[in-house]
Every structure is written in C-alpha cells, then in structure tokens.
Amino acid sequence: MDKLTDLSVVSAHFKQRKYRRFNLHYPVLVRFQHGHLAAEIETTSKNVSIGGLLLQATSEIPQHTAVKFTMTIQGGPVVRPIRVIGEGKVVRVERGSREQEFAIAVQCLSPVTQIRQCLPAAS
C-alpha cells in the first residue's frame, strides 16, 4: 500500500502543466485591495505563461488575493513596448533567498492570449 501511495504522490508532483512557461523578466505593476485601501507594487516576472505569472517582489501579497496586473513587454523581438493587462489571484507566496524578497505565483482568471502575439515561440 505504501508503494501505491508513493506512486500517486510522484505522479501528482510531475503533472504536465496546462500552458508552456517562458523564463521572461519584464516589469509588472500589480494592483490589489489591502483591507479598505487600494495598493499597487512594482514587480518583475520570473516566468510567464498564458495562464499565469511567477513574480519577484520586495513586498508580499497575501495568498488568495485578487489582483490586476499590467506587464510591459519590451526588447528582443518586440519593436515597441507592449502592455499586457490581466486579472488573477495569488495562488502561492514563498520567501526568497534574500530578506524582503518574495516569489508570488498568480493564476490568471482567463488565458492572457496577448502574450502569444508577442512571443512567436509560444504559438
């Protein structure tokens, strides 16, 4: 029985992701409600897919918080900066290796298909 449990844990851990991820580092402005106040922080993407973002930030956003974000894609194959706007919720927050550093995973409410247009390899 232990072997069956071990196999199910391993298979759950290695589930294939729904969308391909790209290690892209772009500025991302994140807006959210903090209590009764509107807050916004500047972050940087660590990786991006059409279904979500992994952000690096110096401020924490609580898990399950609804967010709106604007990512500015620039450089590389992009001639002019492109703003990608989306909404989602924070699904994971981890402390970084340095003090006041956080990794924040955001799941998009709907696929951010604008990213496909900016990244030919994502098609």
C-alpha atoms as a PDB file:
ATOM      1  CA  MET A   1       0.000   0.000   0.000  1.00  0.00           C
ATOM      2  CA  ASP A   2       2.860   2.384   0.748  1.00  0.00           C
ATOM      3  CA  LYS A   3       4.208   1.887  -2.777  1.00  0.00           C
ATOM      4  CA  LEU A   4       0.853   2.862  -4.289  1.00  0.00           C
ATOM      5  CA  THR A   5       0.752   5.994  -2.163  1.00  0.00           C
ATOM      6  CA  ASP A   6       4.311   6.861  -3.156  1.00  0.00           C
ATOM      7  CA  LEU A   7       3.487   6.472  -6.860  1.00  0.00           C
ATOM      8  CA  SER A   8       0.422   8.704  -6.607  1.00  0.00           C
ATOM      9  CA  VAL A   9       2.471  11.416  -4.905  1.00  0.00           C
ATOM     10  CA  VAL A  10       5.155  11.178  -7.594  1.00  0.00           C
ATOM     11  CA  SER A  11       2.631  11.308 -10.437  1.00  0.00           C
ATOM     12  CA  ALA A  12       0.828  14.278  -8.870  1.00  0.00           C
ATOM     13  CA  HIS A  13       4.148  16.085  -8.476  1.00  0.00           C
ATOM     14  CA  PHE A  14       5.084  15.601 -12.137  1.00  0.00           C
ATOM     15  CA  LYS A  15       1.726  16.521 -13.722  1.00  0.00           C
ATOM     16  CA  GLN A  16       2.180  18.259 -17.020  1.00  0.00           C
ATOM     17  CA  ARG A  17       1.444  21.969 -16.895  1.00  0.00           C
ATOM     18  CA  LYS A  18      -1.524  23.291 -18.826  1.00  0.00           C
ATOM     19  CA  TYR A  19       0.494  26.048 -20.543  1.00  0.00           C
ATOM     20  CA  ARG A  20       4.139  26.285 -21.547  1.00  0.00           C
ATOM     21  CA  ARG A  21       6.217  28.611 -19.360  1.00  0.00           C
ATOM     22  CA  PHE A  22       8.838  31.058 -20.553  1.00  0.00           C
ATOM     23  CA  ASN A  23      11.637  32.466 -18.393  1.00  0.00           C
ATOM     24  CA  LEU A  24      10.984  36.125 -19.138  1.00  0.00           C
ATOM     25  CA  HIS A  25      11.901  39.096 -16.989  1.00  0.00           C
ATOM     26  CA  TYR A  26       9.599  42.063 -17.579  1.00  0.00           C
ATOM     27  CA  PRO A  27       8.292  44.805 -15.286  1.00  0.00           C
ATOM     28  CA  VAL A  28       4.832  44.048 -13.891  1.00  0.00           C
ATOM     29  CA  LEU A  29       2.670  46.523 -11.985  1.00  0.00           C
ATOM     30  CA  VAL A  30       0.261  44.694  -9.652  1.00  0.00           C
ATOM     31  CA  ARG A  31      -2.852  46.330  -8.148  1.00  0.00           C
ATOM     32  CA  PHE A  32      -4.935  44.813  -5.343  1.00  0.00           C
ATOM     33  CA  GLN A  33      -7.096  45.635  -2.345  1.00  0.00           C
ATOM     34  CA  HIS A  34      -5.334  45.607   1.018  1.00  0.00           C
ATOM     35  CA  GLY A  35      -8.028  45.972   3.641  1.00  0.00           C
ATOM     36  CA  HIS A  36     -10.021  49.052   2.681  1.00  0.00           C
ATOM     37  CA  LEU A  37      -7.145  50.557   0.699  1.00  0.00           C
ATOM     38  CA  ALA A  38      -6.091  50.097  -2.897  1.00  0.00           C
ATOM     39  CA  ALA A  39      -2.445  49.077  -3.177  1.00  0.00           C
ATOM     40  CA  GLU A  40      -0.002  48.634  -6.012  1.00  0.00           C
ATOM     41  CA  ILE A  41       3.509  47.266  -6.169  1.00  0.00           C
ATOM     42  CA  GLU A  42       6.128  47.047  -8.875  1.00  0.00           C
ATOM     43  CA  THR A  43       7.395  43.524  -9.507  1.00  0.00           C
ATOM     44  CA  THR A  44       9.369  41.629 -12.140  1.00  0.00           C
ATOM     45  CA  SER A  45       8.228  38.488 -13.903  1.00  0.00           C
ATOM     46  CA  LYS A  46      10.406  35.416 -13.379  1.00  0.00           C
ATOM     47  CA  ASN A  47       8.409  33.228 -15.728  1.00  0.00           C
ATOM     48  CA  VAL A  48       5.286  33.736 -17.783  1.00  0.00           C
ATOM     49  CA  SER A  49       2.613  31.597 -19.439  1.00  0.00           C
ATOM     50  CA  ILE A  50      -0.757  32.484 -20.898  1.00  0.00           C
ATOM     51  CA  GLY A  51      -2.269  31.008 -17.717  1.00  0.00           C
ATOM     52  CA  GLY A  52      -0.191  32.749 -15.075  1.00  0.00           C
ATOM     53  CA  LEU A  53       2.899  34.571 -13.879  1.00  0.00           C
ATOM     54  CA  LEU A  54       5.584  33.983 -11.315  1.00  0.00           C
ATOM     55  CA  LEU A  55       6.611  37.344  -9.935  1.00  0.00           C
ATOM     56  CA  GLN A  56       9.590  38.507  -7.916  1.00  0.00           C
ATOM     57  CA  ALA A  57       8.689  41.272  -5.463  1.00  0.00           C
ATOM     58  CA  THR A  58      10.034  43.142  -2.462  1.00  0.00           C
ATOM     59  CA  SER A  59       6.564  43.218  -0.880  1.00  0.00           C
ATOM     60  CA  GLU A  60       4.286  40.328  -0.062  1.00  0.00           C
ATOM     61  CA  ILE A  61       0.767  39.935  -1.449  1.00  0.00           C
ATOM     62  CA  PRO A  62      -1.338  37.536   0.646  1.00  0.00           C
ATOM     63  CA  GLN A  63      -2.364  34.230  -0.900  1.00  0.00           C
ATOM     64  CA  HIS A  64      -5.896  34.187  -2.420  1.00  0.00           C
ATOM     65  CA  THR A  65      -5.783  37.950  -3.072  1.00  0.00           C
ATOM     66  CA  ALA A  66      -7.446  39.085  -6.304  1.00  0.00           C
ATOM     67  CA  VAL A  67      -5.029  41.128  -8.433  1.00  0.00           C
ATOM     68  CA  LYS A  68      -4.965  43.142 -11.625  1.00  0.00           C
ATOM     69  CA  PHE A  69      -1.650  43.414 -13.438  1.00  0.00           C
ATOM     70  CA  THR A  70       0.000  45.269 -16.281  1.00  0.00           C
ATOM     71  CA  MET A  71       3.125  43.672 -17.741  1.00  0.00           C
ATOM     72  CA  THR A  72       5.288  45.699 -20.105  1.00  0.00           C
ATOM     73  CA  ILE A  73       6.950  43.520 -22.743  1.00  0.00           C
ATOM     74  CA  GLN A  74       9.948  45.205 -24.309  1.00  0.00           C
ATOM     75  CA  GLY A  75      13.188  44.335 -26.063  1.00  0.00           C
ATOM     76  CA  GLY A  76      14.081  41.209 -28.024  1.00  0.00           C
ATOM     77  CA  PRO A  77      11.707  40.628 -30.941  1.00  0.00           C
ATOM     78  CA  VAL A  78       9.363  43.404 -29.748  1.00  0.00           C
ATOM     79  CA  VAL A  79       9.951  46.714 -31.561  1.00  0.00           C
ATOM     80  CA  ARG A  80       7.782  48.895 -29.289  1.00  0.00           C
ATOM     81  CA  PRO A  81       6.832  48.184 -25.676  1.00  0.00           C
ATOM     82  CA  ILE A  82       3.583  46.226 -25.406  1.00  0.00           C
ATOM     83  CA  ARG A  83       1.352  46.380 -22.335  1.00  0.00           C
ATOM     84  CA  VAL A  84      -0.350  43.135 -21.382  1.00  0.00           C
ATOM     85  CA  ILE A  85      -3.238  43.569 -18.960  1.00  0.00           C
ATOM     86  CA  GLY A  86      -4.817  40.765 -16.968  1.00  0.00           C
ATOM     87  CA  GLU A  87      -6.548  39.700 -13.781  1.00  0.00           C
ATOM     88  CA  GLY A  88      -5.963  36.775 -11.494  1.00  0.00           C
ATOM     89  CA  LYS A  89      -5.440  35.629  -7.962  1.00  0.00           C
ATOM     90  CA  VAL A  90      -2.388  34.853  -5.886  1.00  0.00           C
ATOM     91  CA  VAL A  91      -2.111  31.079  -5.535  1.00  0.00           C
ATOM     92  CA  ARG A  92       1.292  30.812  -3.837  1.00  0.00           C
ATOM     93  CA  VAL A  93       3.710  33.059  -1.941  1.00  0.00           C
ATOM     94  CA  GLU A  94       7.234  31.998  -0.969  1.00  0.00           C
ATOM     95  CA  ARG A  95      10.024  33.870   0.761  1.00  0.00           C
ATOM     96  CA  GLY A  96      13.056  34.472  -1.423  1.00  0.00           C
ATOM     97  CA  SER A  97      16.664  33.793  -0.567  1.00  0.00           C
ATOM     98  CA  ARG A  98      17.234  37.443   0.351  1.00  0.00           C
ATOM     99  CA  GLU A  99      15.481  39.477   3.005  1.00  0.00           C
ATOM    100  CA  GLN A 100      12.384  41.321   1.709  1.00  0.00           C
ATOM    101  CA  GLU A 101      12.186  39.133  -1.407  1.00  0.00           C
ATOM    102  CA  PHE A 102       9.096  37.143  -2.338  1.00  0.00           C
ATOM    103  CA  ALA A 103       8.093  34.819  -5.173  1.00  0.00           C
ATOM    104  CA  ILE A 104       4.400  35.325  -5.931  1.00  0.00           C
ATOM    105  CA  ALA A 105       2.508  32.948  -8.224  1.00  0.00           C
ATOM    106  CA  VAL A 106      -0.531  34.470  -9.936  1.00  0.00           C
ATOM    107  CA  GLN A 107      -3.102  32.341 -11.743  1.00  0.00           C
ATOM    108  CA  CYS A 108      -4.897  34.292 -14.465  1.00  0.00           C
ATOM    109  CA  LEU A 109      -8.710  34.329 -14.477  1.00  0.00           C
ATOM    110  CA  SER A 110      -8.632  33.748 -18.224  1.00  0.00           C
ATOM    111  CA  PRO A 111      -5.718  32.967 -20.563  1.00  0.00           C
ATOM    112  CA  VAL A 112      -3.721  36.062 -21.451  1.00  0.00           C
ATOM    113  CA  THR A 113      -3.593  35.373 -25.167  1.00  0.00           C
ATOM    114  CA  GLN A 114      -1.861  38.702 -25.893  1.00  0.00           C
ATOM    115  CA  ILE A 115       1.359  37.042 -24.749  1.00  0.00           C
ATOM    116  CA  ARG A 116       1.171  34.619 -27.685  1.00  0.00           C
ATOM    117  CA  GLN A 117       1.293  37.502 -30.136  1.00  0.00           C
ATOM    118  CA  CYS A 118       4.471  38.835 -28.511  1.00  0.00           C
ATOM    119  CA  LEU A 119       6.283  35.502 -28.387  1.00  0.00           C
ATOM    120  CA  PRO A 120       6.340  33.602 -31.681  1.00  0.00           C
ATOM    121  CA  ALA A 121       7.771  30.510 -29.938  1.00  0.00           C
ATOM    122  CA  ALA A 122       4.690  30.349 -27.705  1.00  0.00           C
ATOM    123  CA  SER A 123       2.308  29.645 -30.586  1.00  0.00           C
END
